[in-house]
Amino acid sequence: MIIFSKKERAGNQQRIFHKDTVRQAFWRALPIMGSYLFVTIFVNQWKAAKSHIPALLGLDCGVVILLIVGPDYFLLPTLILVSGILLAVRGKMSGEVMEDE
């Protein structure tokens, strides 16, 4: 066991990251990480999909709902609207994709 003087211990405590500092940095970076994740998933889906209608529908509905209700409450209505529209046109879209093959 190594025994440090008070001065050495004080110096070590200043060099170690405080938990609150790391936590604050994480919460500050979280929106940026979410945006990067969204863009990555969107681009991968765009490249893999035969039909870009669902992606364009999601973007369009997202922008419209964002303009209507604002940034705080747009996610759930957008998901409901896009899901409803995709369920309603499910048969037509699968027919279009089958014809393209």
N, C-alpha and C. Protein backbone atom coordinates (compact mmCIF):
# COMPACT_ATOMS: atom_id res chain seq x y z
N MET A 1 0.85 -1.18 0.00
CA MET A 1 0.00 0.00 0.00
C MET A 1 0.89 1.24 0.00
N ILE A 2 0.56 2.15 -0.94
CA ILE A 2 1.34 3.37 -1.05
C ILE A 2 0.59 4.48 -0.31
N ILE A 3 1.32 5.22 0.47
CA ILE A 3 0.72 6.31 1.23
C ILE A 3 1.13 7.62 0.58
N PHE A 4 0.12 8.43 0.22
CA PHE A 4 0.37 9.72 -0.41
C PHE A 4 0.18 10.83 0.62
N SER A 5 0.93 11.88 0.42
CA SER A 5 0.71 13.06 1.27
C SER A 5 -0.58 13.76 0.82
N LYS A 6 -1.06 14.70 1.62
CA LYS A 6 -2.28 15.42 1.28
C LYS A 6 -2.13 16.17 -0.04
N LYS A 7 -0.95 16.70 -0.29
CA LYS A 7 -0.72 17.46 -1.51
C LYS A 7 -0.80 16.54 -2.73
N GLU A 8 -0.22 15.35 -2.63
CA GLU A 8 -0.27 14.40 -3.75
C GLU A 8 -1.70 13.92 -3.99
N ARG A 9 -2.45 13.68 -2.93
CA ARG A 9 -3.84 13.24 -3.09
C ARG A 9 -4.68 14.33 -3.74
N ALA A 10 -4.45 15.57 -3.37
CA ALA A 10 -5.21 16.67 -3.97
C ALA A 10 -4.91 16.78 -5.46
N GLY A 11 -3.67 16.57 -5.83
CA GLY A 11 -3.29 16.61 -7.25
C GLY A 11 -3.93 15.49 -8.03
N ASN A 12 -4.01 14.29 -7.44
CA ASN A 12 -4.63 13.15 -8.12
C ASN A 12 -6.13 13.36 -8.30
N GLN A 13 -6.77 13.98 -7.34
CA GLN A 13 -8.20 14.20 -7.43
C GLN A 13 -8.53 15.20 -8.53
N GLN A 14 -7.65 16.13 -8.78
CA GLN A 14 -7.92 17.12 -9.82
C GLN A 14 -7.76 16.50 -11.21
N ARG A 15 -6.93 15.50 -11.37
CA ARG A 15 -6.69 14.89 -12.67
C ARG A 15 -7.76 13.87 -13.05
N ILE A 16 -8.44 13.31 -12.10
CA ILE A 16 -9.45 12.30 -12.36
C ILE A 16 -10.75 13.00 -12.76
N PHE A 17 -11.39 12.48 -13.79
CA PHE A 17 -12.67 13.05 -14.21
C PHE A 17 -13.71 12.85 -13.13
N HIS A 18 -14.43 13.87 -12.88
CA HIS A 18 -15.51 13.79 -11.92
C HIS A 18 -16.72 13.16 -12.61
N LYS A 19 -17.48 12.34 -11.89
CA LYS A 19 -18.63 11.65 -12.49
C LYS A 19 -19.62 12.64 -13.10
N ASP A 20 -19.85 13.75 -12.44
CA ASP A 20 -20.81 14.72 -12.95
C ASP A 20 -20.34 15.32 -14.27
N THR A 21 -19.04 15.52 -14.43
CA THR A 21 -18.51 16.07 -15.67
C THR A 21 -18.75 15.10 -16.82
N VAL A 22 -18.50 13.83 -16.61
CA VAL A 22 -18.71 12.82 -17.63
C VAL A 22 -20.20 12.71 -17.95
N ARG A 23 -21.03 12.73 -16.93
CA ARG A 23 -22.48 12.65 -17.13
C ARG A 23 -22.98 13.85 -17.93
N GLN A 24 -22.50 15.05 -17.63
CA GLN A 24 -22.93 16.23 -18.36
C GLN A 24 -22.47 16.17 -19.81
N ALA A 25 -21.27 15.69 -20.05
CA ALA A 25 -20.77 15.56 -21.42
C ALA A 25 -21.60 14.55 -22.20
N PHE A 26 -21.99 13.46 -21.55
CA PHE A 26 -22.82 12.45 -22.21
C PHE A 26 -24.17 13.04 -22.62
N TRP A 27 -24.83 13.74 -21.70
CA TRP A 27 -26.14 14.30 -22.02
C TRP A 27 -26.06 15.41 -23.04
N ARG A 28 -24.92 16.10 -23.12
CA ARG A 28 -24.74 17.12 -24.14
C ARG A 28 -24.53 16.49 -25.51
N ALA A 29 -23.87 15.34 -25.56
CA ALA A 29 -23.56 14.68 -26.83
C ALA A 29 -24.69 13.78 -27.33
N LEU A 30 -25.63 13.43 -26.48
CA LEU A 30 -26.69 12.49 -26.85
C LEU A 30 -27.51 12.94 -28.06
N PRO A 31 -27.96 14.17 -28.18
CA PRO A 31 -28.72 14.56 -29.38
C PRO A 31 -27.91 14.43 -30.66
N ILE A 32 -26.65 14.75 -30.61
CA ILE A 32 -25.80 14.62 -31.79
C ILE A 32 -25.64 13.16 -32.17
N MET A 33 -25.43 12.29 -31.18
CA MET A 33 -25.30 10.86 -31.47
C MET A 33 -26.59 10.31 -32.07
N GLY A 34 -27.73 10.77 -31.57
CA GLY A 34 -29.01 10.33 -32.11
C GLY A 34 -29.18 10.77 -33.56
N SER A 35 -28.76 11.99 -33.86
CA SER A 35 -28.85 12.48 -35.24
C SER A 35 -27.96 11.66 -36.17
N TYR A 36 -26.74 11.38 -35.74
CA TYR A 36 -25.84 10.57 -36.57
C TYR A 36 -26.40 9.17 -36.78
N LEU A 37 -26.97 8.60 -35.74
CA LEU A 37 -27.56 7.27 -35.86
C LEU A 37 -28.72 7.28 -36.85
N PHE A 38 -29.59 8.29 -36.76
CA PHE A 38 -30.72 8.41 -37.67
C PHE A 38 -30.24 8.52 -39.12
N VAL A 39 -29.27 9.37 -39.38
CA VAL A 39 -28.78 9.56 -40.75
C VAL A 39 -28.16 8.27 -41.28
N THR A 40 -27.41 7.57 -40.46
CA THR A 40 -26.79 6.32 -40.87
C THR A 40 -27.83 5.27 -41.22
N ILE A 41 -28.84 5.11 -40.38
CA ILE A 41 -29.90 4.14 -40.64
C ILE A 41 -30.67 4.53 -41.89
N PHE A 42 -30.98 5.82 -42.04
CA PHE A 42 -31.73 6.27 -43.21
C PHE A 42 -30.96 5.99 -44.50
N VAL A 43 -29.68 6.30 -44.53
CA VAL A 43 -28.89 6.09 -45.74
C VAL A 43 -28.78 4.60 -46.06
N ASN A 44 -28.57 3.75 -45.04
CA ASN A 44 -28.50 2.31 -45.28
C ASN A 44 -29.82 1.77 -45.82
N GLN A 45 -30.94 2.21 -45.27
CA GLN A 45 -32.25 1.78 -45.76
C GLN A 45 -32.49 2.29 -47.18
N TRP A 46 -32.06 3.50 -47.46
CA TRP A 46 -32.24 4.07 -48.80
C TRP A 46 -31.48 3.24 -49.83
N LYS A 47 -30.25 2.85 -49.51
CA LYS A 47 -29.45 2.06 -50.45
C LYS A 47 -30.01 0.65 -50.63
N ALA A 48 -30.57 0.07 -49.57
CA ALA A 48 -31.03 -1.31 -49.62
C ALA A 48 -32.43 -1.46 -50.21
N ALA A 49 -33.25 -0.42 -50.16
CA ALA A 49 -34.65 -0.53 -50.56
C ALA A 49 -34.81 -0.47 -52.07
N LYS A 50 -35.79 -1.24 -52.57
CA LYS A 50 -36.12 -1.18 -53.99
C LYS A 50 -37.05 0.01 -54.26
N SER A 51 -37.91 0.32 -53.30
CA SER A 51 -38.84 1.43 -53.42
C SER A 51 -38.52 2.46 -52.33
N HIS A 52 -38.40 3.70 -52.73
CA HIS A 52 -38.08 4.76 -51.76
C HIS A 52 -39.31 5.46 -51.23
N ILE A 53 -40.48 4.95 -51.56
CA ILE A 53 -41.74 5.58 -51.12
C ILE A 53 -41.84 5.65 -49.59
N PRO A 54 -41.57 4.57 -48.84
CA PRO A 54 -41.68 4.67 -47.39
C PRO A 54 -40.73 5.71 -46.77
N ALA A 55 -39.52 5.80 -47.30
CA ALA A 55 -38.57 6.77 -46.76
C ALA A 55 -39.03 8.19 -47.05
N LEU A 56 -39.47 8.43 -48.27
CA LEU A 56 -39.95 9.78 -48.61
C LEU A 56 -41.22 10.12 -47.86
N LEU A 57 -42.09 9.13 -47.67
CA LEU A 57 -43.31 9.34 -46.89
C LEU A 57 -42.97 9.72 -45.45
N GLY A 58 -42.01 9.02 -44.86
CA GLY A 58 -41.59 9.33 -43.50
C GLY A 58 -41.01 10.73 -43.37
N LEU A 59 -40.20 11.12 -44.32
CA LEU A 59 -39.63 12.48 -44.29
C LEU A 59 -40.72 13.54 -44.46
N ASP A 60 -41.60 13.32 -45.43
CA ASP A 60 -42.66 14.30 -45.67
C ASP A 60 -43.58 14.43 -44.47
N CYS A 61 -44.03 13.31 -43.94
CA CYS A 61 -44.92 13.36 -42.76
C CYS A 61 -44.21 14.00 -41.57
N GLY A 62 -42.94 13.69 -41.41
CA GLY A 62 -42.19 14.28 -40.30
C GLY A 62 -42.10 15.78 -40.39
N VAL A 63 -41.84 16.29 -41.59
CA VAL A 63 -41.74 17.74 -41.77
C VAL A 63 -43.10 18.41 -41.55
N VAL A 64 -44.17 17.81 -42.09
CA VAL A 64 -45.51 18.40 -41.94
C VAL A 64 -45.92 18.44 -40.47
N ILE A 65 -45.77 17.31 -39.77
CA ILE A 65 -46.16 17.26 -38.35
C ILE A 65 -45.26 18.18 -37.52
N LEU A 66 -44.00 18.28 -37.87
CA LEU A 66 -43.09 19.18 -37.17
C LEU A 66 -43.57 20.62 -37.29
N LEU A 67 -44.01 21.01 -38.47
CA LEU A 67 -44.51 22.37 -38.67
C LEU A 67 -45.83 22.61 -37.93
N ILE A 68 -46.64 21.56 -37.80
CA ILE A 68 -47.94 21.71 -37.16
C ILE A 68 -47.82 21.77 -35.64
N VAL A 69 -47.12 20.80 -35.03
CA VAL A 69 -47.12 20.70 -33.56
C VAL A 69 -45.82 21.16 -32.90
N GLY A 70 -44.78 21.37 -33.68
CA GLY A 70 -43.52 21.84 -33.10
C GLY A 70 -42.60 20.68 -32.75
N PRO A 71 -41.37 21.00 -32.36
CA PRO A 71 -40.35 19.97 -32.15
C PRO A 71 -40.53 19.13 -30.89
N ASP A 72 -41.32 19.59 -29.94
CA ASP A 72 -41.44 18.84 -28.69
C ASP A 72 -42.36 17.64 -28.79
N TYR A 73 -43.35 17.68 -29.68
CA TYR A 73 -44.38 16.63 -29.70
C TYR A 73 -44.59 15.99 -31.07
N PHE A 74 -43.64 16.08 -31.98
CA PHE A 74 -43.91 15.63 -33.33
C PHE A 74 -43.61 14.15 -33.57
N LEU A 75 -42.83 13.51 -32.73
CA LEU A 75 -42.38 12.15 -33.03
C LEU A 75 -43.51 11.13 -33.01
N LEU A 76 -44.30 11.08 -31.96
CA LEU A 76 -45.37 10.08 -31.87
C LEU A 76 -46.45 10.28 -32.93
N PRO A 77 -46.96 11.51 -33.17
CA PRO A 77 -47.93 11.67 -34.26
C PRO A 77 -47.35 11.28 -35.63
N THR A 78 -46.08 11.57 -35.86
CA THR A 78 -45.47 11.21 -37.12
C THR A 78 -45.40 9.69 -37.28
N LEU A 79 -44.99 8.99 -36.23
CA LEU A 79 -44.94 7.53 -36.29
C LEU A 79 -46.32 6.93 -36.53
N ILE A 80 -47.33 7.47 -35.87
CA ILE A 80 -48.70 6.96 -36.05
C ILE A 80 -49.18 7.22 -37.48
N LEU A 81 -48.94 8.42 -37.98
CA LEU A 81 -49.38 8.77 -39.33
C LEU A 81 -48.67 7.93 -40.40
N VAL A 82 -47.38 7.81 -40.31
CA VAL A 82 -46.62 7.02 -41.29
C VAL A 82 -47.04 5.56 -41.23
N SER A 83 -47.17 5.01 -40.03
CA SER A 83 -47.59 3.62 -39.89
C SER A 83 -48.98 3.40 -40.47
N GLY A 84 -49.90 4.32 -40.20
CA GLY A 84 -51.25 4.21 -40.74
C GLY A 84 -51.28 4.25 -42.26
N ILE A 85 -50.55 5.19 -42.84
CA ILE A 85 -50.51 5.30 -44.30
C ILE A 85 -49.87 4.06 -44.91
N LEU A 86 -48.78 3.59 -44.35
CA LEU A 86 -48.12 2.40 -44.89
C LEU A 86 -49.00 1.16 -44.77
N LEU A 87 -49.75 1.04 -43.69
CA LEU A 87 -50.68 -0.08 -43.56
C LEU A 87 -51.81 0.02 -44.57
N ALA A 88 -52.26 1.26 -44.84
CA ALA A 88 -53.37 1.45 -45.78
C ALA A 88 -52.96 1.12 -47.21
N VAL A 89 -51.73 1.41 -47.58
CA VAL A 89 -51.28 1.17 -48.97
C VAL A 89 -50.37 -0.05 -49.08
N ARG A 90 -50.43 -0.91 -48.09
CA ARG A 90 -49.53 -2.07 -48.04
C ARG A 90 -49.69 -2.95 -49.28
N GLY A 91 -50.90 -3.28 -49.66
CA GLY A 91 -51.12 -4.15 -50.81
C GLY A 91 -50.66 -3.52 -52.11
N LYS A 92 -50.93 -2.24 -52.28
CA LYS A 92 -50.54 -1.55 -53.51
C LYS A 92 -49.02 -1.48 -53.63
N MET A 93 -48.35 -1.18 -52.51
CA MET A 93 -46.89 -1.06 -52.56
C MET A 93 -46.24 -2.40 -52.81
N SER A 94 -46.73 -3.48 -52.19
CA SER A 94 -46.11 -4.79 -52.42
C SER A 94 -46.32 -5.21 -53.86
N GLY A 95 -47.45 -4.82 -54.48
CA GLY A 95 -47.68 -5.11 -55.89
C GLY A 95 -46.71 -4.36 -56.79
N GLU A 96 -46.42 -3.11 -56.45
CA GLU A 96 -45.47 -2.33 -57.23
C GLU A 96 -44.07 -2.91 -57.14
N VAL A 97 -43.69 -3.35 -55.99
CA VAL A 97 -42.35 -3.91 -55.80
C VAL A 97 -42.26 -5.24 -56.55
N MET A 98 -43.34 -6.04 -56.51
CA MET A 98 -43.33 -7.33 -57.20
C MET A 98 -43.23 -7.12 -58.70
N GLU A 99 -43.88 -6.07 -59.26
CA GLU A 99 -43.82 -5.81 -60.69
C GLU A 99 -42.43 -5.37 -61.12
N ASP A 100 -41.72 -4.65 -60.23
CA ASP A 100 -40.39 -4.17 -60.56
C ASP A 100 -39.38 -5.30 -60.67
N GLU A 101 -39.62 -6.39 -59.98
CA GLU A 101 -38.67 -7.51 -59.99
C GLU A 101 -38.79 -8.20 -61.30
